[in-house]
Amino acid sequence: GYHLAKRMIADGHDVFGLDSINDYYDINVKY
């Protein structure tokens, strides 16, 4: 999702990201 958001932002789309930011793995990577 992060990489796709970056690409679609760069392509000029209006992008909305949604995430629960759960702790399944290290949330520092998500942040």
PDB file of all heavy atoms in Angstrom:
ATOM      1  N   GLY A   1       0.807  -1.216   0.000  1.00  0.00           N
ATOM      2  CA  GLY A   1       0.000   0.000   0.000  1.00  0.00           C
ATOM      3  C   GLY A   1       0.838   1.263   0.000  1.00  0.00           C
ATOM      4  O   GLY A   1       0.515   2.234  -0.698  1.00  0.00           O
ATOM      5  N   TYR A   2       1.907   1.255   0.765  1.00  0.00           N
ATOM      6  CA  TYR A   2       2.811   2.420   0.823  1.00  0.00           C
ATOM      7  C   TYR A   2       3.413   2.712  -0.548  1.00  0.00           C
ATOM      8  O   TYR A   2       3.415   3.853  -1.030  1.00  0.00           O
ATOM      9  CB  TYR A   2       3.908   2.167   1.852  1.00  0.00           C
ATOM     10  CG  TYR A   2       5.163   2.981   1.652  1.00  0.00           C
ATOM     11  CD1 TYR A   2       5.168   4.362   1.878  1.00  0.00           C
ATOM     12  CD2 TYR A   2       6.343   2.382   1.221  1.00  0.00           C
ATOM     13  CE1 TYR A   2       6.327   5.110   1.685  1.00  0.00           C
ATOM     14  CE2 TYR A   2       7.502   3.124   1.033  1.00  0.00           C
ATOM     15  CZ  TYR A   2       7.491   4.486   1.261  1.00  0.00           C
ATOM     16  OH  TYR A   2       8.620   5.226   1.065  1.00  0.00           O
ATOM     17  N   HIS A   3       3.937   1.671  -1.194  1.00  0.00           N
ATOM     18  CA  HIS A   3       4.570   1.863  -2.499  1.00  0.00           C
ATOM     19  C   HIS A   3       3.549   2.276  -3.562  1.00  0.00           C
ATOM     20  O   HIS A   3       3.851   3.113  -4.425  1.00  0.00           O
ATOM     21  CB  HIS A   3       5.300   0.584  -2.919  1.00  0.00           C
ATOM     22  CG  HIS A   3       6.595   0.367  -2.214  1.00  0.00           C
ATOM     23  ND1 HIS A   3       7.759   0.999  -2.579  1.00  0.00           N
ATOM     24  CD2 HIS A   3       6.906  -0.413  -1.146  1.00  0.00           C
ATOM     25  CE1 HIS A   3       8.752   0.610  -1.793  1.00  0.00           C
ATOM     26  NE2 HIS A   3       8.258  -0.242  -0.902  1.00  0.00           N
ATOM     27  N   LEU A   4       2.344   1.704  -3.495  1.00  0.00           N
ATOM     28  CA  LEU A   4       1.307   2.087  -4.459  1.00  0.00           C
ATOM     29  C   LEU A   4       0.886   3.533  -4.249  1.00  0.00           C
ATOM     30  O   LEU A   4       0.703   4.286  -5.217  1.00  0.00           O
ATOM     31  CB  LEU A   4       0.089   1.168  -4.341  1.00  0.00           C
ATOM     32  CG  LEU A   4      -1.084   1.526  -5.258  1.00  0.00           C
ATOM     33  CD1 LEU A   4      -0.685   1.419  -6.729  1.00  0.00           C
ATOM     34  CD2 LEU A   4      -2.292   0.640  -4.960  1.00  0.00           C
ATOM     35  N   ALA A   5       0.723   3.938  -2.992  1.00  0.00           N
ATOM     36  CA  ALA A   5       0.333   5.319  -2.702  1.00  0.00           C
ATOM     37  C   ALA A   5       1.370   6.290  -3.260  1.00  0.00           C
ATOM     38  O   ALA A   5       1.026   7.296  -3.900  1.00  0.00           O
ATOM     39  CB  ALA A   5       0.171   5.520  -1.196  1.00  0.00           C
ATOM     40  N   LYS A   6       2.646   6.002  -3.038  1.00  0.00           N
ATOM     41  CA  LYS A   6       3.710   6.859  -3.562  1.00  0.00           C
ATOM     42  C   LYS A   6       3.616   6.995  -5.078  1.00  0.00           C
ATOM     43  O   LYS A   6       3.750   8.096  -5.637  1.00  0.00           O
ATOM     44  CB  LYS A   6       5.082   6.279  -3.192  1.00  0.00           C
ATOM     45  CG  LYS A   6       5.585   6.650  -1.806  1.00  0.00           C
ATOM     46  CD  LYS A   6       6.976   6.097  -1.559  1.00  0.00           C
ATOM     47  CE  LYS A   6       7.960   6.506  -2.640  1.00  0.00           C
ATOM     48  NZ  LYS A   6       9.319   5.944  -2.395  1.00  0.00           N
ATOM     49  N   ARG A   7       3.380   5.886  -5.748  1.00  0.00           N
ATOM     50  CA  ARG A   7       3.312   5.898  -7.211  1.00  0.00           C
ATOM     51  C   ARG A   7       2.095   6.698  -7.700  1.00  0.00           C
ATOM     52  O   ARG A   7       2.203   7.518  -8.630  1.00  0.00           O
ATOM     53  CB  ARG A   7       3.252   4.460  -7.731  1.00  0.00           C
ATOM     54  CG  ARG A   7       2.907   4.327  -9.205  1.00  0.00           C
ATOM     55  CD  ARG A   7       3.951   4.934 -10.148  1.00  0.00           C
ATOM     56  NE  ARG A   7       3.485   4.847 -11.531  1.00  0.00           N
ATOM     57  CZ  ARG A   7       3.664   3.774 -12.300  1.00  0.00           C
ATOM     58  NH1 ARG A   7       4.311   2.709 -11.839  1.00  0.00           N
ATOM     59  NH2 ARG A   7       3.214   3.768 -13.532  1.00  0.00           N
ATOM     60  N   MET A   8       0.949   6.485  -7.084  1.00  0.00           N
ATOM     61  CA  MET A   8      -0.258   7.157  -7.553  1.00  0.00           C
ATOM     62  C   MET A   8      -0.248   8.643  -7.199  1.00  0.00           C
ATOM     63  O   MET A   8      -0.804   9.464  -7.923  1.00  0.00           O
ATOM     64  CB  MET A   8      -1.497   6.454  -7.026  1.00  0.00           C
ATOM     65  CG  MET A   8      -1.599   5.020  -7.506  1.00  0.00           C
ATOM     66  SD  MET A   8      -3.264   4.376  -7.602  1.00  0.00           S
ATOM     67  CE  MET A   8      -3.871   5.148  -9.103  1.00  0.00           C
ATOM     68  N   ILE A   9       0.396   8.988  -6.096  1.00  0.00           N
ATOM     69  CA  ILE A   9       0.598  10.406  -5.768  1.00  0.00           C
ATOM     70  C   ILE A   9       1.449  11.058  -6.855  1.00  0.00           C
ATOM     71  O   ILE A   9       1.133  12.134  -7.368  1.00  0.00           O
ATOM     72  CB  ILE A   9       1.288  10.552  -4.391  1.00  0.00           C
ATOM     73  CG1 ILE A   9       0.349  10.130  -3.259  1.00  0.00           C
ATOM     74  CG2 ILE A   9       1.757  11.988  -4.186  1.00  0.00           C
ATOM     75  CD1 ILE A   9       1.060   9.923  -1.935  1.00  0.00           C
ATOM     76  N   ALA A  10       2.538  10.387  -7.216  1.00  0.00           N
ATOM     77  CA  ALA A  10       3.447  10.912  -8.245  1.00  0.00           C
ATOM     78  C   ALA A  10       2.763  11.033  -9.593  1.00  0.00           C
ATOM     79  O   ALA A  10       3.083  11.936 -10.385  1.00  0.00           O
ATOM     80  CB  ALA A  10       4.683  10.019  -8.354  1.00  0.00           C
ATOM     81  N   ASP A  11       1.802  10.141  -9.856  1.00  0.00           N
ATOM     82  CA  ASP A  11       1.071  10.167 -11.129  1.00  0.00           C
ATOM     83  C   ASP A  11      -0.001  11.261 -11.154  1.00  0.00           C
ATOM     84  O   ASP A  11      -0.672  11.446 -12.174  1.00  0.00           O
ATOM     85  CB  ASP A  11       0.422   8.807 -11.403  1.00  0.00           C
ATOM     86  CG  ASP A  11       1.450   7.755 -11.814  1.00  0.00           C
ATOM     87  OD1 ASP A  11       2.618   8.122 -12.061  1.00  0.00           O
ATOM     88  OD2 ASP A  11       1.078   6.561 -11.885  1.00  0.00           O
ATOM     89  N   GLY A  12      -0.198  11.960 -10.026  1.00  0.00           N
ATOM     90  CA  GLY A  12      -1.106  13.095 -10.003  1.00  0.00           C
ATOM     91  C   GLY A  12      -2.530  12.812  -9.577  1.00  0.00           C
ATOM     92  O   GLY A  12      -3.397  13.687  -9.660  1.00  0.00           O
ATOM     93  N   HIS A  13      -2.805  11.595  -9.105  1.00  0.00           N
ATOM     94  CA  HIS A  13      -4.155  11.277  -8.637  1.00  0.00           C
ATOM     95  C   HIS A  13      -4.393  11.878  -7.251  1.00  0.00           C
ATOM     96  O   HIS A  13      -3.451  12.165  -6.511  1.00  0.00           O
ATOM     97  CB  HIS A  13      -4.344   9.753  -8.561  1.00  0.00           C
ATOM     98  CG  HIS A  13      -4.199   9.080  -9.886  1.00  0.00           C
ATOM     99  ND1 HIS A  13      -5.117   9.220 -10.896  1.00  0.00           N
ATOM    100  CD2 HIS A  13      -3.226   8.264 -10.373  1.00  0.00           C
ATOM    101  CE1 HIS A  13      -4.725   8.508 -11.948  1.00  0.00           C
ATOM    102  NE2 HIS A  13      -3.579   7.917 -11.652  1.00  0.00           N
ATOM    103  N   ASP A  14      -5.650  12.064  -6.902  1.00  0.00           N
ATOM    104  CA  ASP A  14      -6.015  12.411  -5.529  1.00  0.00           C
ATOM    105  C   ASP A  14      -6.094  11.109  -4.749  1.00  0.00           C
ATOM    106  O   ASP A  14      -6.983  10.285  -4.988  1.00  0.00           O
ATOM    107  CB  ASP A  14      -7.365  13.138  -5.491  1.00  0.00           C
ATOM    108  CG  ASP A  14      -7.270  14.542  -6.055  1.00  0.00           C
ATOM    109  OD1 ASP A  14      -6.200  15.158  -5.935  1.00  0.00           O
ATOM    110  OD2 ASP A  14      -8.259  15.023  -6.635  1.00  0.00           O
ATOM    111  N   VAL A  15      -5.158  10.913  -3.839  1.00  0.00           N
ATOM    112  CA  VAL A  15      -5.014   9.630  -3.150  1.00  0.00           C
ATOM    113  C   VAL A  15      -5.404   9.765  -1.684  1.00  0.00           C
ATOM    114  O   VAL A  15      -4.959  10.689  -0.991  1.00  0.00           O
ATOM    115  CB  VAL A  15      -3.562   9.109  -3.269  1.00  0.00           C
ATOM    116  CG1 VAL A  15      -3.422   7.758  -2.575  1.00  0.00           C
ATOM    117  CG2 VAL A  15      -3.151   9.014  -4.740  1.00  0.00           C
ATOM    118  N   PHE A  16      -6.228   8.815  -1.236  1.00  0.00           N
ATOM    119  CA  PHE A  16      -6.607   8.724   0.171  1.00  0.00           C
ATOM    120  C   PHE A  16      -6.100   7.393   0.702  1.00  0.00           C
ATOM    121  O   PHE A  16      -6.416   6.336   0.156  1.00  0.00           O
ATOM    122  CB  PHE A  16      -8.125   8.812   0.336  1.00  0.00           C
ATOM    123  CG  PHE A  16      -8.683  10.190   0.151  1.00  0.00           C
ATOM    124  CD1 PHE A  16      -8.704  10.778  -1.100  1.00  0.00           C
ATOM    125  CD2 PHE A  16      -9.166  10.921   1.227  1.00  0.00           C
ATOM    126  CE1 PHE A  16      -9.201  12.057  -1.283  1.00  0.00           C
ATOM    127  CE2 PHE A  16      -9.662  12.199   1.059  1.00  0.00           C
ATOM    128  CZ  PHE A  16      -9.682  12.766  -0.198  1.00  0.00           C
ATOM    129  N   GLY A  17      -5.311   7.461   1.766  1.00  0.00           N
ATOM    130  CA  GLY A  17      -4.803   6.250   2.390  1.00  0.00           C
ATOM    131  C   GLY A  17      -5.563   5.930   3.654  1.00  0.00           C
ATOM    132  O   GLY A  17      -5.964   6.825   4.399  1.00  0.00           O
ATOM    133  N   LEU A  18      -5.777   4.647   3.890  1.00  0.00           N
ATOM    134  CA  LEU A  18      -6.467   4.174   5.098  1.00  0.00           C
ATOM    135  C   LEU A  18      -5.689   3.007   5.667  1.00  0.00           C
ATOM    136  O   LEU A  18      -5.262   2.122   4.922  1.00  0.00           O
ATOM    137  CB  LEU A  18      -7.899   3.760   4.754  1.00  0.00           C
ATOM    138  CG  LEU A  18      -8.798   3.185   5.859  1.00  0.00           C
ATOM    139  CD1 LEU A  18     -10.276   3.420   5.506  1.00  0.00           C
ATOM    140  CD2 LEU A  18      -8.572   1.691   6.091  1.00  0.00           C
ATOM    141  N   ASP A  19      -5.498   3.003   6.981  1.00  0.00           N
ATOM    142  CA  ASP A  19      -4.794   1.891   7.621  1.00  0.00           C
ATOM    143  C   ASP A  19      -5.157   1.870   9.101  1.00  0.00           C
ATOM    144  O   ASP A  19      -5.336   2.920   9.712  1.00  0.00           O
ATOM    145  CB  ASP A  19      -3.278   2.043   7.462  1.00  0.00           C
ATOM    146  CG  ASP A  19      -2.545   0.727   7.593  1.00  0.00           C
ATOM    147  OD1 ASP A  19      -2.500   0.179   8.712  1.00  0.00           O
ATOM    148  OD2 ASP A  19      -2.004   0.239   6.581  1.00  0.00           O
ATOM    149  N   SER A  20      -5.241   0.673   9.666  1.00  0.00           N
ATOM    150  CA  SER A  20      -5.525   0.553  11.103  1.00  0.00           C
ATOM    151  C   SER A  20      -4.253   0.674  11.938  1.00  0.00           C
ATOM    152  O   SER A  20      -4.308   0.878  13.154  1.00  0.00           O
ATOM    153  CB  SER A  20      -6.188  -0.794  11.400  1.00  0.00           C
ATOM    154  OG  SER A  20      -5.281  -1.863  11.175  1.00  0.00           O
ATOM    155  N   ILE A  21      -3.096   0.533  11.295  1.00  0.00           N
ATOM    156  CA  ILE A  21      -1.780   0.551  11.966  1.00  0.00           C
ATOM    157  C   ILE A  21      -1.783  -0.407  13.160  1.00  0.00           C
ATOM    158  O   ILE A  21      -1.433  -0.039  14.291  1.00  0.00           O
ATOM    159  CB  ILE A  21      -1.362   1.972  12.411  1.00  0.00           C
ATOM    160  CG1 ILE A  21      -1.710   3.002  11.330  1.00  0.00           C
ATOM    161  CG2 ILE A  21       0.135   2.030  12.700  1.00  0.00           C
ATOM    162  CD1 ILE A  21      -1.307   4.431  11.677  1.00  0.00           C
ATOM    163  N   ASN A  22      -2.170  -1.653  12.911  1.00  0.00           N
ATOM    164  CA  ASN A  22      -2.154  -2.631  14.009  1.00  0.00           C
ATOM    165  C   ASN A  22      -0.725  -3.079  14.310  1.00  0.00           C
ATOM    166  O   ASN A  22       0.215  -2.749  13.587  1.00  0.00           O
ATOM    167  CB  ASN A  22      -3.060  -3.831  13.690  1.00  0.00           C
ATOM    168  CG  ASN A  22      -2.552  -4.677  12.525  1.00  0.00           C
ATOM    169  OD1 ASN A  22      -1.364  -4.747  12.248  1.00  0.00           O
ATOM    170  ND2 ASN A  22      -3.475  -5.322  11.819  1.00  0.00           N
ATOM    171  N   ASP A  23      -0.556  -3.837  15.375  1.00  0.00           N
ATOM    172  CA  ASP A  23       0.785  -4.205  15.831  1.00  0.00           C
ATOM    173  C   ASP A  23       1.164  -5.631  15.446  1.00  0.00           C
ATOM    174  O   ASP A  23       1.944  -6.286  16.142  1.00  0.00           O
ATOM    175  CB  ASP A  23       0.897  -4.021  17.347  1.00  0.00           C
ATOM    176  CG  ASP A  23      -0.106  -4.875  18.122  1.00  0.00           C
ATOM    177  OD1 ASP A  23      -0.917  -5.587  17.481  1.00  0.00           O
ATOM    178  OD2 ASP A  23      -0.083  -4.822  19.365  1.00  0.00           O
ATOM    179  N   TYR A  24       0.656  -6.124  14.322  1.00  0.00           N
ATOM    180  CA  TYR A  24       1.030  -7.453  13.842  1.00  0.00           C
ATOM    181  C   TYR A  24       2.550  -7.555  13.664  1.00  0.00           C
ATOM    182  O   TYR A  24       3.167  -8.570  13.933  1.00  0.00           O
ATOM    183  CB  TYR A  24       0.302  -7.754  12.534  1.00  0.00           C
ATOM    184  CG  TYR A  24       0.825  -8.951  11.785  1.00  0.00           C
ATOM    185  CD1 TYR A  24       0.766 -10.224  12.355  1.00  0.00           C
ATOM    186  CD2 TYR A  24       1.369  -8.828  10.505  1.00  0.00           C
ATOM    187  CE1 TYR A  24       1.247 -11.329  11.668  1.00  0.00           C
ATOM    188  CE2 TYR A  24       1.848  -9.920   9.820  1.00  0.00           C
ATOM    189  CZ  TYR A  24       1.789 -11.165  10.407  1.00  0.00           C
ATOM    190  OH  TYR A  24       2.270 -12.253   9.733  1.00  0.00           O
ATOM    191  N   TYR A  25       3.152  -6.469  13.189  1.00  0.00           N
ATOM    192  CA  TYR A  25       4.615  -6.378  13.187  1.00  0.00           C
ATOM    193  C   TYR A  25       5.011  -4.972  13.620  1.00  0.00           C
ATOM    194  O   TYR A  25       4.149  -4.126  13.882  1.00  0.00           O
ATOM    195  CB  TYR A  25       5.222  -6.757  11.827  1.00  0.00           C
ATOM    196  CG  TYR A  25       4.789  -5.919  10.640  1.00  0.00           C
ATOM    197  CD1 TYR A  25       5.307  -4.648  10.407  1.00  0.00           C
ATOM    198  CD2 TYR A  25       3.874  -6.424   9.713  1.00  0.00           C
ATOM    199  CE1 TYR A  25       4.938  -3.894   9.310  1.00  0.00           C
ATOM    200  CE2 TYR A  25       3.489  -5.681   8.606  1.00  0.00           C
ATOM    201  CZ  TYR A  25       4.022  -4.415   8.411  1.00  0.00           C
ATOM    202  OH  TYR A  25       3.648  -3.675   7.313  1.00  0.00           O
ATOM    203  N   ASP A  26       6.298  -4.697  13.703  1.00  0.00           N
ATOM    204  CA  ASP A  26       6.844  -3.452  14.226  1.00  0.00           C
ATOM    205  C   ASP A  26       6.161  -2.226  13.611  1.00  0.00           C
ATOM    206  O   ASP A  26       6.334  -1.930  12.427  1.00  0.00           O
ATOM    207  CB  ASP A  26       8.346  -3.420  13.927  1.00  0.00           C
ATOM    208  CG  ASP A  26       9.036  -2.190  14.508  1.00  0.00           C
ATOM    209  OD1 ASP A  26       8.373  -1.397  15.214  1.00  0.00           O
ATOM    210  OD2 ASP A  26      10.247  -2.035  14.249  1.00  0.00           O
ATOM    211  N   ILE A  27       5.398  -1.500  14.437  1.00  0.00           N
ATOM    212  CA  ILE A  27       4.664  -0.348  13.912  1.00  0.00           C
ATOM    213  C   ILE A  27       5.605   0.801  13.537  1.00  0.00           C
ATOM    214  O   ILE A  27       5.196   1.704  12.799  1.00  0.00           O
ATOM    215  CB  ILE A  27       3.593   0.166  14.906  1.00  0.00           C
ATOM    216  CG1 ILE A  27       4.227   0.610  16.228  1.00  0.00           C
ATOM    217  CG2 ILE A  27       2.516  -0.871  15.129  1.00  0.00           C
ATOM    218  CD1 ILE A  27       3.219   1.271  17.166  1.00  0.00           C
ATOM    219  N   ASN A  28       6.853   0.762  14.004  1.00  0.00           N
ATOM    220  CA  ASN A  28       7.800   1.804  13.622  1.00  0.00           C
ATOM    221  C   ASN A  28       8.075   1.782  12.116  1.00  0.00           C
ATOM    222  O   ASN A  28       8.330   2.824  11.496  1.00  0.00           O
ATOM    223  CB  ASN A  28       9.117   1.655  14.389  1.00  0.00           C
ATOM    224  CG  ASN A  28       8.945   1.986  15.863  1.00  0.00           C
ATOM    225  OD1 ASN A  28       8.295   2.976  16.209  1.00  0.00           O
ATOM    226  ND2 ASN A  28       9.502   1.158  16.727  1.00  0.00           N
ATOM    227  N   VAL A  29       8.006   0.575  11.529  1.00  0.00           N
ATOM    228  CA  VAL A  29       8.163   0.468  10.077  1.00  0.00           C
ATOM    229  C   VAL A  29       6.964   1.124   9.393  1.00  0.00           C
ATOM    230  O   VAL A  29       7.110   1.847   8.402  1.00  0.00           O
ATOM    231  CB  VAL A  29       8.304  -1.004   9.648  1.00  0.00           C
ATOM    232  CG1 VAL A  29       8.354  -1.126   8.122  1.00  0.00           C
ATOM    233  CG2 VAL A  29       9.557  -1.621  10.256  1.00  0.00           C
ATOM    234  N   LYS A  30       5.761   0.895   9.934  1.00  0.00           N
ATOM    235  CA  LYS A  30       4.556   1.500   9.347  1.00  0.00           C
ATOM    236  C   LYS A  30       4.599   3.021   9.470  1.00  0.00           C
ATOM    237  O   LYS A  30       4.278   3.744   8.514  1.00  0.00           O
ATOM    238  CB  LYS A  30       3.305   0.938  10.030  1.00  0.00           C
ATOM    239  CG  LYS A  30       3.137  -0.562   9.852  1.00  0.00           C
ATOM    240  CD  LYS A  30       1.866  -1.069  10.517  1.00  0.00           C
ATOM    241  CE  LYS A  30       1.731  -2.569  10.335  1.00  0.00           C
ATOM    242  NZ  LYS A  30       0.477  -3.096  10.927  1.00  0.00           N
ATOM    243  N   TYR A  31       4.973   3.506  10.649  1.00  0.00           N
ATOM    244  CA  TYR A  31       5.069   4.948  10.828  1.00  0.00           C
ATOM    245  C   TYR A  31       6.159   5.547   9.939  1.00  0.00           C
ATOM    246  O   TYR A  31       6.037   6.668   9.437  1.00  0.00           O
ATOM    247  CB  TYR A  31       5.341   5.283  12.296  1.00  0.00           C
ATOM    248  CG  TYR A  31       4.145   5.077  13.204  1.00  0.00           C
ATOM    249  CD1 TYR A  31       4.298   4.531  14.471  1.00  0.00           C
ATOM    250  CD2 TYR A  31       2.861   5.445  12.786  1.00  0.00           C
ATOM    251  CE1 TYR A  31       3.201   4.347  15.305  1.00  0.00           C
ATOM    252  CE2 TYR A  31       1.766   5.263  13.611  1.00  0.00           C
ATOM    253  CZ  TYR A  31       1.935   4.723  14.876  1.00  0.00           C
ATOM    254  OH  TYR A  31       0.853   4.547  15.695  1.00  0.00           O
TER     255      TYR A  31
END
